[in-house]
C-alpha atoms as a PDB file:
ATOM      1  CA  MET A   1      93.000   2.121 -39.411  1.00  0.00           C
ATOM      2  CA  ALA A   2      95.381  -0.150 -37.529  1.00  0.00           C
ATOM      3  CA  ILE A   3      97.768  -0.674 -40.457  1.00  0.00           C
ATOM      4  CA  ALA A   4      98.594   3.046 -40.719  1.00  0.00           C
ATOM      5  CA  LYS A   5      99.247   3.306 -36.959  1.00  0.00           C
ATOM      6  CA  ILE A   6     101.357   0.128 -37.030  1.00  0.00           C
ATOM      7  CA  ARG A   7     103.443   1.615 -39.840  1.00  0.00           C
ATOM      8  CA  GLU A   8     103.977   4.771 -37.748  1.00  0.00           C
ATOM      9  CA  ILE A   9     105.003   2.697 -34.733  1.00  0.00           C
ATOM     10  CA  LEU A  10     107.426   0.634 -36.830  1.00  0.00           C
ATOM     11  CA  ALA A  11     108.937   3.768 -38.355  1.00  0.00           C
ATOM     12  CA  LYS A  12     109.495   5.232 -34.893  1.00  0.00           C
ATOM     13  CA  ASN A  13     110.461   2.114 -32.899  1.00  0.00           C
ATOM     14  CA  GLY A  14     111.417  -0.641 -35.351  1.00  0.00           C
ATOM     15  CA  ARG A  15     114.946   0.537 -36.196  1.00  0.00           C
ATOM     16  CA  LEU A  16     114.448  -0.922 -39.662  1.00  0.00           C
ATOM     17  CA  SER A  17     117.149  -0.690 -42.313  1.00  0.00           C
ATOM     18  CA  THR A  18     114.408  -0.342 -44.948  1.00  0.00           C
ATOM     19  CA  SER A  19     111.896   2.489 -44.930  1.00  0.00           C
ATOM     20  CA  VAL A  20     108.442   1.407 -43.771  1.00  0.00           C
ATOM     21  CA  ASP A  21     107.029   3.208 -46.806  1.00  0.00           C
ATOM     22  CA  GLN A  22     108.863   0.753 -49.078  1.00  0.00           C
ATOM     23  CA  LEU A  23     107.407  -2.330 -47.370  1.00  0.00           C
ATOM     24  CA  ALA A  24     104.281  -4.185 -48.387  1.00  0.00           C
ATOM     25  CA  ASP A  25     101.938  -5.255 -45.603  1.00  0.00           C
ATOM     26  CA  ASP A  26     103.202  -8.827 -45.973  1.00  0.00           C
ATOM     27  CA  SER A  27     106.930  -7.997 -46.272  1.00  0.00           C
ATOM     28  CA  ASP A  28     109.204  -9.831 -43.828  1.00  0.00           C
ATOM     29  CA  LEU A  29     110.107  -7.284 -41.155  1.00  0.00           C
ATOM     30  CA  TYR A  30     113.105  -9.307 -40.002  1.00  0.00           C
ATOM     31  CA  ASN A  31     114.547  -9.129 -43.525  1.00  0.00           C
ATOM     32  CA  ALA A  32     113.931  -5.369 -43.331  1.00  0.00           C
ATOM     33  CA  GLY A  33     116.144  -5.136 -40.234  1.00  0.00           C
ATOM     34  CA  LEU A  34     113.803  -5.757 -37.286  1.00  0.00           C
ATOM     35  CA  THR A  35     115.690  -7.237 -34.334  1.00  0.00           C
ATOM     36  CA  SER A  36     114.435  -9.018 -31.259  1.00  0.00           C
ATOM     37  CA  LEU A  37     115.456  -5.991 -29.199  1.00  0.00           C
ATOM     38  CA  ALA A  38     113.502  -3.627 -31.451  1.00  0.00           C
ATOM     39  CA  THR A  39     110.407  -5.838 -31.171  1.00  0.00           C
ATOM     40  CA  VAL A  40     110.259  -4.967 -27.467  1.00  0.00           C
ATOM     41  CA  GLY A  41     109.938  -1.263 -28.272  1.00  0.00           C
ATOM     42  CA  VAL A  42     107.402  -2.017 -30.993  1.00  0.00           C
ATOM     43  CA  MET A  43     105.402  -4.217 -28.623  1.00  0.00           C
ATOM     44  CA  LEU A  44     105.316  -1.562 -25.893  1.00  0.00           C
ATOM     45  CA  ALA A  45     104.236   1.115 -28.370  1.00  0.00           C
ATOM     46  CA  LEU A  46     101.514  -1.168 -29.772  1.00  0.00           C
ATOM     47  CA  GLU A  47     100.200  -1.911 -26.298  1.00  0.00           C
ATOM     48  CA  GLU A  48     100.054   1.782 -25.452  1.00  0.00           C
ATOM     49  CA  GLU A  49      98.564   2.914 -28.767  1.00  0.00           C
ATOM     50  CA  PHE A  50      95.850   0.254 -28.942  1.00  0.00           C
ATOM     51  CA  ASN A  51      95.286  -0.197 -25.189  1.00  0.00           C
ATOM     52  CA  ILE A  52      95.988  -3.924 -25.382  1.00  0.00           C
ATOM     53  CA  GLU A  53      98.302  -6.373 -23.658  1.00  0.00           C
ATOM     54  CA  ILE A  54     100.135  -8.816 -25.880  1.00  0.00           C
ATOM     55  CA  PRO A  55     100.312 -12.124 -23.992  1.00  0.00           C
ATOM     56  CA  ASP A  56     103.576 -14.041 -23.700  1.00  0.00           C
ATOM     57  CA  SER A  57     102.153 -16.741 -25.970  1.00  0.00           C
ATOM     58  CA  LEU A  58     102.111 -14.224 -28.847  1.00  0.00           C
ATOM     59  CA  LEU A  59     105.578 -12.767 -28.277  1.00  0.00           C
ATOM     60  CA  GLY A  60     107.204 -14.757 -31.031  1.00  0.00           C
ATOM     61  CA  ARG A  61     108.684 -14.174 -34.427  1.00  0.00           C
ATOM     62  CA  LYS A  62     105.410 -15.116 -36.119  1.00  0.00           C
ATOM     63  CA  THR A  63     103.532 -12.178 -34.523  1.00  0.00           C
ATOM     64  CA  PHE A  64     106.101  -9.598 -35.663  1.00  0.00           C
ATOM     65  CA  GLN A  65     106.865 -11.203 -39.043  1.00  0.00           C
ATOM     66  CA  SER A  66     104.982  -8.582 -41.063  1.00  0.00           C
ATOM     67  CA  ILE A  67     102.804  -5.521 -40.759  1.00  0.00           C
ATOM     68  CA  GLN A  68      99.797  -7.712 -41.562  1.00  0.00           C
ATOM     69  CA  SER A  69     100.652 -10.288 -38.878  1.00  0.00           C
ATOM     70  CA  ILE A  70     100.933  -7.484 -36.312  1.00  0.00           C
ATOM     71  CA  ALA A  71      97.592  -6.060 -37.465  1.00  0.00           C
ATOM     72  CA  ASP A  72      95.972  -9.488 -37.159  1.00  0.00           C
ATOM     73  CA  VAL A  73      97.130  -9.796 -33.538  1.00  0.00           C
ATOM     74  CA  VAL A  74      96.091  -6.236 -32.678  1.00  0.00           C
ATOM     75  CA  ASN A  75      92.628  -6.801 -34.160  1.00  0.00           C
ATOM     76  CA  GLN A  76      92.299 -10.114 -32.326  1.00  0.00           C
ATOM     77  CA  LEU A  77      93.224  -8.527 -28.987  1.00  0.00           C
ATOM     78  CA  LYS A  78      90.999  -5.473 -29.440  1.00  0.00           C
ATOM     79  CA  ARG A  79      87.841  -7.620 -29.503  1.00  0.00           C
END
């Protein structure tokens, strides 16, 4: 499932100040310590893991706001 993989990617690349295990799928990742720099690493790992390319139009705060918002984009791009 995408959510589990996204959690792994965030744990490895997100540099969060809060453990991914403590976050709900709709928790605000920026409040949990995600920075704009860390989103680049997360984005690259997502693209590699799911064999997708996240277009520039989706490289905003809204896409990386939560685990669920990331999953929504990944699922949209995998179609």
